[in-house]
Amino acid sequence: GIKLTEREQHLLSHIQTNQYLSAQQAAEKLSITVRQAERLFASLKEKGLIARVGSNKTGHWEIKVK
């Protein structure tokens, strides 16, 4: 299986409830900096768990695995 940090798991669950989640919103929900949130998104993308659908501004996140 794929090892996820606690923050990655929290971010994934937030994406499940709001697929339009931005790094700014994620940072507020997880009480971390925007940069840390961006790194979490990048990490989840790298692990193949999420993908961005559409543009950065109007697109949304898609969870690849349940």
PDB file of N, CA and C in Angstrom:
ATOM      1  N   GLY A   1       0.809  -1.202   0.000  1.00  0.00           N
ATOM      2  CA  GLY A   1       0.000   0.000   0.000  1.00  0.00           C
ATOM      3  C   GLY A   1       0.847   1.260   0.000  1.00  0.00           C
ATOM      4  N   ILE A   2       0.178   2.356  -0.116  1.00  0.00           N
ATOM      5  CA  ILE A   2       0.857   3.642  -0.149  1.00  0.00           C
ATOM      6  C   ILE A   2       0.842   4.245   1.244  1.00  0.00           C
ATOM      7  N   LYS A   3       2.023   4.638   1.712  1.00  0.00           N
ATOM      8  CA  LYS A   3       2.129   5.242   3.043  1.00  0.00           C
ATOM      9  C   LYS A   3       1.750   6.717   2.951  1.00  0.00           C
ATOM     10  N   LEU A   4       0.810   7.140   3.803  1.00  0.00           N
ATOM     11  CA  LEU A   4       0.399   8.539   3.856  1.00  0.00           C
ATOM     12  C   LEU A   4       0.683   9.117   5.229  1.00  0.00           C
ATOM     13  N   THR A   5       1.130  10.375   5.246  1.00  0.00           N
ATOM     14  CA  THR A   5       1.291  11.048   6.527  1.00  0.00           C
ATOM     15  C   THR A   5      -0.087  11.429   7.037  1.00  0.00           C
ATOM     16  N   GLU A   6      -0.142  11.806   8.309  1.00  0.00           N
ATOM     17  CA  GLU A   6      -1.415  12.210   8.909  1.00  0.00           C
ATOM     18  C   GLU A   6      -2.002  13.410   8.157  1.00  0.00           C
ATOM     19  N   ARG A   7      -1.143  14.362   7.807  1.00  0.00           N
ATOM     20  CA  ARG A   7      -1.620  15.556   7.088  1.00  0.00           C
ATOM     21  C   ARG A   7      -2.133  15.206   5.699  1.00  0.00           C
ATOM     22  N   GLU A   8      -1.461  14.271   5.029  1.00  0.00           N
ATOM     23  CA  GLU A   8      -1.930  13.846   3.706  1.00  0.00           C
ATOM     24  C   GLU A   8      -3.310  13.204   3.814  1.00  0.00           C
ATOM     25  N   GLN A   9      -3.521  12.411   4.859  1.00  0.00           N
ATOM     26  CA  GLN A   9      -4.828  11.775   5.060  1.00  0.00           C
ATOM     27  C   GLN A   9      -5.901  12.821   5.317  1.00  0.00           C
ATOM     28  N   HIS A  10      -5.560  13.828   6.133  1.00  0.00           N
ATOM     29  CA  HIS A  10      -6.522  14.903   6.419  1.00  0.00           C
ATOM     30  C   HIS A  10      -6.857  15.660   5.138  1.00  0.00           C
ATOM     31  N   LEU A  11      -5.826  15.965   4.349  1.00  0.00           N
ATOM     32  CA  LEU A  11      -6.053  16.705   3.099  1.00  0.00           C
ATOM     33  C   LEU A  11      -6.944  15.898   2.159  1.00  0.00           C
ATOM     34  N   LEU A  12      -6.684  14.602   2.040  1.00  0.00           N
ATOM     35  CA  LEU A  12      -7.507  13.744   1.181  1.00  0.00           C
ATOM     36  C   LEU A  12      -8.967  13.767   1.620  1.00  0.00           C
ATOM     37  N   SER A  13      -9.205  13.713   2.920  1.00  0.00           N
ATOM     38  CA  SER A  13     -10.590  13.713   3.384  1.00  0.00           C
ATOM     39  C   SER A  13     -11.253  15.062   3.108  1.00  0.00           C
ATOM     40  N   HIS A  14     -10.482  16.153   3.178  1.00  0.00           N
ATOM     41  CA  HIS A  14     -11.041  17.463   2.848  1.00  0.00           C
ATOM     42  C   HIS A  14     -11.351  17.554   1.349  1.00  0.00           C
ATOM     43  N   ILE A  15     -10.499  16.948   0.523  1.00  0.00           N
ATOM     44  CA  ILE A  15     -10.750  16.945  -0.927  1.00  0.00           C
ATOM     45  C   ILE A  15     -12.008  16.146  -1.238  1.00  0.00           C
ATOM     46  N   GLN A  16     -12.255  15.074  -0.483  1.00  0.00           N
ATOM     47  CA  GLN A  16     -13.463  14.272  -0.708  1.00  0.00           C
ATOM     48  C   GLN A  16     -14.718  15.096  -0.460  1.00  0.00           C
ATOM     49  N   THR A  17     -14.671  15.996   0.530  1.00  0.00           N
ATOM     50  CA  THR A  17     -15.858  16.795   0.832  1.00  0.00           C
ATOM     51  C   THR A  17     -15.952  18.032  -0.048  1.00  0.00           C
ATOM     52  N   ASN A  18     -14.806  18.534  -0.540  1.00  0.00           N
ATOM     53  CA  ASN A  18     -14.801  19.712  -1.404  1.00  0.00           C
ATOM     54  C   ASN A  18     -13.726  19.564  -2.470  1.00  0.00           C
ATOM     55  N   GLN A  19     -14.142  19.133  -3.668  1.00  0.00           N
ATOM     56  CA  GLN A  19     -13.143  18.889  -4.718  1.00  0.00           C
ATOM     57  C   GLN A  19     -12.579  20.177  -5.305  1.00  0.00           C
ATOM     58  N   TYR A  20     -13.153  21.322  -4.931  1.00  0.00           N
ATOM     59  CA  TYR A  20     -12.656  22.611  -5.417  1.00  0.00           C
ATOM     60  C   TYR A  20     -11.725  23.281  -4.405  1.00  0.00           C
ATOM     61  N   LEU A  21     -11.231  22.511  -3.448  1.00  0.00           N
ATOM     62  CA  LEU A  21     -10.372  23.016  -2.388  1.00  0.00           C
ATOM     63  C   LEU A  21      -9.105  23.660  -2.956  1.00  0.00           C
ATOM     64  N   SER A  22      -8.802  24.863  -2.482  1.00  0.00           N
ATOM     65  CA  SER A  22      -7.566  25.547  -2.911  1.00  0.00           C
ATOM     66  C   SER A  22      -6.490  25.323  -1.848  1.00  0.00           C
ATOM     67  N   ALA A  23      -5.260  25.615  -2.216  1.00  0.00           N
ATOM     68  CA  ALA A  23      -4.156  25.487  -1.260  1.00  0.00           C
ATOM     69  C   ALA A  23      -4.390  26.421  -0.078  1.00  0.00           C
ATOM     70  N   GLN A  24      -4.918  27.607  -0.345  1.00  0.00           N
ATOM     71  CA  GLN A  24      -5.208  28.576   0.720  1.00  0.00           C
ATOM     72  C   GLN A  24      -6.236  28.004   1.706  1.00  0.00           C
ATOM     73  N   GLN A  25      -7.316  27.442   1.166  1.00  0.00           N
ATOM     74  CA  GLN A  25      -8.355  26.859   2.026  1.00  0.00           C
ATOM     75  C   GLN A  25      -7.805  25.658   2.794  1.00  0.00           C
ATOM     76  N   ALA A  26      -7.024  24.836   2.119  1.00  0.00           N
ATOM     77  CA  ALA A  26      -6.445  23.654   2.766  1.00  0.00           C
ATOM     78  C   ALA A  26      -5.537  24.083   3.916  1.00  0.00           C
ATOM     79  N   ALA A  27      -4.750  25.124   3.698  1.00  0.00           N
ATOM     80  CA  ALA A  27      -3.844  25.621   4.732  1.00  0.00           C
ATOM     81  C   ALA A  27      -4.634  26.056   5.965  1.00  0.00           C
ATOM     82  N   GLU A  28      -5.741  26.750   5.739  1.00  0.00           N
ATOM     83  CA  GLU A  28      -6.567  27.200   6.866  1.00  0.00           C
ATOM     84  C   GLU A  28      -7.174  26.021   7.607  1.00  0.00           C
ATOM     85  N   LYS A  29      -7.694  25.039   6.874  1.00  0.00           N
ATOM     86  CA  LYS A  29      -8.333  23.889   7.506  1.00  0.00           C
ATOM     87  C   LYS A  29      -7.337  23.045   8.303  1.00  0.00           C
ATOM     88  N   LEU A  30      -6.110  22.923   7.791  1.00  0.00           N
ATOM     89  CA  LEU A  30      -5.108  22.070   8.430  1.00  0.00           C
ATOM     90  C   LEU A  30      -4.190  22.843   9.376  1.00  0.00           C
ATOM     91  N   SER A  31      -4.395  24.154   9.476  1.00  0.00           N
ATOM     92  CA  SER A  31      -3.553  25.018  10.323  1.00  0.00           C
ATOM     93  C   SER A  31      -2.079  24.929   9.949  1.00  0.00           C
ATOM     94  N   ILE A  32      -1.813  25.038   8.645  1.00  0.00           N
ATOM     95  CA  ILE A  32      -0.437  25.032   8.145  1.00  0.00           C
ATOM     96  C   ILE A  32      -0.283  26.202   7.174  1.00  0.00           C
ATOM     97  N   THR A  33       0.933  26.419   6.675  1.00  0.00           N
ATOM     98  CA  THR A  33       1.142  27.505   5.721  1.00  0.00           C
ATOM     99  C   THR A  33       0.655  27.085   4.336  1.00  0.00           C
ATOM    100  N   VAL A  34       0.428  28.067   3.486  1.00  0.00           N
ATOM    101  CA  VAL A  34      -0.018  27.787   2.121  1.00  0.00           C
ATOM    102  C   VAL A  34       1.038  26.947   1.401  1.00  0.00           C
ATOM    103  N   ARG A  35       2.303  27.257   1.631  1.00  0.00           N
ATOM    104  CA  ARG A  35       3.396  26.518   0.986  1.00  0.00           C
ATOM    105  C   ARG A  35       3.368  25.041   1.404  1.00  0.00           C
ATOM    106  N   GLN A  36       3.125  24.792   2.676  1.00  0.00           N
ATOM    107  CA  GLN A  36       3.046  23.401   3.151  1.00  0.00           C
ATOM    108  C   GLN A  36       1.872  22.690   2.491  1.00  0.00           C
ATOM    109  N   ALA A  37       0.757  23.404   2.336  1.00  0.00           N
ATOM    110  CA  ALA A  37      -0.412  22.816   1.681  1.00  0.00           C
ATOM    111  C   ALA A  37      -0.087  22.479   0.228  1.00  0.00           C
ATOM    112  N   GLU A  38       0.630  23.385  -0.447  1.00  0.00           N
ATOM    113  CA  GLU A  38       1.013  23.131  -1.842  1.00  0.00           C
ATOM    114  C   GLU A  38       1.886  21.887  -1.930  1.00  0.00           C
ATOM    115  N   ARG A  39       2.777  21.723  -0.969  1.00  0.00           N
ATOM    116  CA  ARG A  39       3.646  20.533  -0.966  1.00  0.00           C
ATOM    117  C   ARG A  39       2.835  19.262  -0.744  1.00  0.00           C
ATOM    118  N   LEU A  40       1.803  19.345   0.112  1.00  0.00           N
ATOM    119  CA  LEU A  40       0.954  18.175   0.349  1.00  0.00           C
ATOM    120  C   LEU A  40       0.204  17.784  -0.927  1.00  0.00           C
ATOM    121  N   PHE A  41      -0.352  18.797  -1.623  1.00  0.00           N
ATOM    122  CA  PHE A  41      -1.033  18.524  -2.895  1.00  0.00           C
ATOM    123  C   PHE A  41      -0.054  17.861  -3.870  1.00  0.00           C
ATOM    124  N   ALA A  42       1.159  18.407  -3.954  1.00  0.00           N
ATOM    125  CA  ALA A  42       2.176  17.863  -4.863  1.00  0.00           C
ATOM    126  C   ALA A  42       2.529  16.423  -4.497  1.00  0.00           C
ATOM    127  N   SER A  43       2.635  16.162  -3.196  1.00  0.00           N
ATOM    128  CA  SER A  43       2.969  14.821  -2.726  1.00  0.00           C
ATOM    129  C   SER A  43       1.873  13.823  -3.103  1.00  0.00           C
ATOM    130  N   LEU A  44       0.612  14.228  -2.897  1.00  0.00           N
ATOM    131  CA  LEU A  44      -0.505  13.336  -3.232  1.00  0.00           C
ATOM    132  C   LEU A  44      -0.584  13.109  -4.746  1.00  0.00           C
ATOM    133  N   LYS A  45      -0.273  14.155  -5.520  1.00  0.00           N
ATOM    134  CA  LYS A  45      -0.261  14.006  -6.981  1.00  0.00           C
ATOM    135  C   LYS A  45       0.839  13.030  -7.397  1.00  0.00           C
ATOM    136  N   GLU A  46       2.006  13.178  -6.781  1.00  0.00           N
ATOM    137  CA  GLU A  46       3.151  12.330  -7.107  1.00  0.00           C
ATOM    138  C   GLU A  46       2.866  10.863  -6.797  1.00  0.00           C
ATOM    139  N   LYS A  47       2.119  10.632  -5.721  1.00  0.00           N
ATOM    140  CA  LYS A  47       1.763   9.268  -5.327  1.00  0.00           C
ATOM    141  C   LYS A  47       0.613   8.723  -6.173  1.00  0.00           C
ATOM    142  N   GLY A  48       0.068   9.564  -7.061  1.00  0.00           N
ATOM    143  CA  GLY A  48      -0.987   9.114  -7.959  1.00  0.00           C
ATOM    144  C   GLY A  48      -2.356   9.020  -7.311  1.00  0.00           C
ATOM    145  N   LEU A  49      -2.555   9.697  -6.176  1.00  0.00           N
ATOM    146  CA  LEU A  49      -3.825   9.602  -5.475  1.00  0.00           C
ATOM    147  C   LEU A  49      -4.831  10.655  -5.933  1.00  0.00           C
ATOM    148  N   ILE A  50      -4.317  11.822  -6.377  1.00  0.00           N
ATOM    149  CA  ILE A  50      -5.213  12.877  -6.849  1.00  0.00           C
ATOM    150  C   ILE A  50      -4.701  13.414  -8.178  1.00  0.00           C
ATOM    151  N   ALA A  51      -5.588  14.037  -8.917  1.00  0.00           N
ATOM    152  CA  ALA A  51      -5.212  14.671 -10.177  1.00  0.00           C
ATOM    153  C   ALA A  51      -6.007  15.956 -10.309  1.00  0.00           C
ATOM    154  N   ARG A  52      -5.409  16.942 -10.948  1.00  0.00           N
ATOM    155  CA  ARG A  52      -6.101  18.208 -11.179  1.00  0.00           C
ATOM    156  C   ARG A  52      -6.845  18.090 -12.501  1.00  0.00           C
ATOM    157  N   VAL A  53      -8.141  18.409 -12.483  1.00  0.00           N
ATOM    158  CA  VAL A  53      -8.953  18.361 -13.697  1.00  0.00           C
ATOM    159  C   VAL A  53      -9.328  19.800 -14.031  1.00  0.00           C
ATOM    160  N   GLY A  54      -8.971  20.250 -15.221  1.00  0.00           N
ATOM    161  CA  GLY A  54      -9.268  21.619 -15.604  1.00  0.00           C
ATOM    162  C   GLY A  54      -8.139  22.562 -15.238  1.00  0.00           C
ATOM    163  N   SER A  55      -8.417  23.849 -15.340  1.00  0.00           N
ATOM    164  CA  SER A  55      -7.381  24.851 -15.107  1.00  0.00           C
ATOM    165  C   SER A  55      -7.121  25.035 -13.618  1.00  0.00           C
ATOM    166  N   ASN A  56      -6.030  25.713 -13.310  1.00  0.00           N
ATOM    167  CA  ASN A  56      -5.690  25.986 -11.914  1.00  0.00           C
ATOM    168  C   ASN A  56      -6.760  26.834 -11.240  1.00  0.00           C
ATOM    169  N   LYS A  57      -7.347  27.752 -11.988  1.00  0.00           N
ATOM    170  CA  LYS A  57      -8.308  28.670 -11.394  1.00  0.00           C
ATOM    171  C   LYS A  57      -9.707  28.061 -11.272  1.00  0.00           C
ATOM    172  N   THR A  58     -10.172  27.397 -12.319  1.00  0.00           N
ATOM    173  CA  THR A  58     -11.562  26.921 -12.315  1.00  0.00           C
ATOM    174  C   THR A  58     -11.696  25.401 -12.229  1.00  0.00           C
ATOM    175  N   GLY A  59     -10.562  24.699 -12.198  1.00  0.00           N
ATOM    176  CA  GLY A  59     -10.615  23.245 -12.166  1.00  0.00           C
ATOM    177  C   GLY A  59     -10.928  22.694 -10.783  1.00  0.00           C
ATOM    178  N   HIS A  60     -10.856  21.366 -10.666  1.00  0.00           N
ATOM    179  CA  HIS A  60     -11.113  20.718  -9.390  1.00  0.00           C
ATOM    180  C   HIS A  60     -10.183  19.514  -9.236  1.00  0.00           C
ATOM    181  N   TRP A  61     -10.143  18.967  -8.028  1.00  0.00           N
ATOM    182  CA  TRP A  61      -9.325  17.789  -7.739  1.00  0.00           C
ATOM    183  C   TRP A  61     -10.158  16.525  -7.915  1.00  0.00           C
ATOM    184  N   GLU A  62      -9.523  15.505  -8.434  1.00  0.00           N
ATOM    185  CA  GLU A  62     -10.176  14.217  -8.618  1.00  0.00           C
ATOM    186  C   GLU A  62      -9.373  13.187  -7.842  1.00  0.00           C
ATOM    187  N   ILE A  63     -10.059  12.419  -7.002  1.00  0.00           N
ATOM    188  CA  ILE A  63      -9.375  11.375  -6.247  1.00  0.00           C
ATOM    189  C   ILE A  63      -9.336  10.117  -7.111  1.00  0.00           C
ATOM    190  N   LYS A  64      -8.120   9.607  -7.309  1.00  0.00           N
ATOM    191  CA  LYS A  64      -7.915   8.476  -8.208  1.00  0.00           C
ATOM    192  C   LYS A  64      -8.258   7.142  -7.559  1.00  0.00           C
ATOM    193  N   VAL A  65      -7.999   7.002  -6.259  1.00  0.00           N
ATOM    194  CA  VAL A  65      -8.232   5.739  -5.559  1.00  0.00           C
ATOM    195  C   VAL A  65      -9.097   6.008  -4.344  1.00  0.00           C
ATOM    196  N   LYS A  66      -9.995   5.103  -4.052  1.00  0.00           N
ATOM    197  CA  LYS A  66     -10.850   5.264  -2.866  1.00  0.00           C
ATOM    198  C   LYS A  66     -10.223   4.574  -1.682  1.00  0.00           C
TER     199      LYS A  66
END
